[in-house]
């Protein structure tokens, strides 16, 4: 089965093609762009297909990073994945950023539980605990830093991820220093996680652990006029 994996949840616009039967990643294209994922994603998909020498019809499953991460970027990726899955008549599955970071950590430190932590801004941390075999022990949540430390202590787990700057999050080369230290997710890992999924019935949807940073302005709306009545 050929898996097409998409990531627009962070600064990267990333696509990978993975052959699950051969256990081999066929192509990876990653562009560090920060914004503008909607404008670039389809071109990046085309480039990955060309590098793999595959037509779009060869895709048997689509994977997409569903968050937590960029509010707008996540929506771009999920919409593209669901649209392609509908057109190709193939399943689409969601993979969380915390899963990807946890998998990357445990591939280097097998057999140990881990609490994956991402900086959520506003004095909060996106966190989730994974057991030694990689299965989730808690639901993803936005927590206070002290609560993350307490969770790790209660599970005798290591804390890893971008929040602690542990170097476990995949860092891809870029000549754009403004993206240094920003959340980045290994798209080949996304494809491998999705290829191993056995339950593909549920369509992917964005994982938002809190509301968007942007808020509607107040105090600038026009007063509603009274309905016109005629004597």
Foldseek 3Di string as FASTA:
>chain_A
DWEWEFEQQWQKTKIWIADVVVRGTQFIDIDRHRDDSLVCNVVNVVVRCVSSVHDLLVHAEYEYEQDDGDPVRNVSRLVVRVVSCVVNVHFYYYDYQQLQLLVLVCVVVAQFKEWEWDDPPPQWIFIWIAGNVSHTPDDTATHHPVVSVVVCVVRVHYYDYLVVPPPSADDDDDPDVVCPSIHDGDRVSRRVVVSPDPDRPDRDHHDDNDDDPDDDDPPPDDDDDDDDDDD
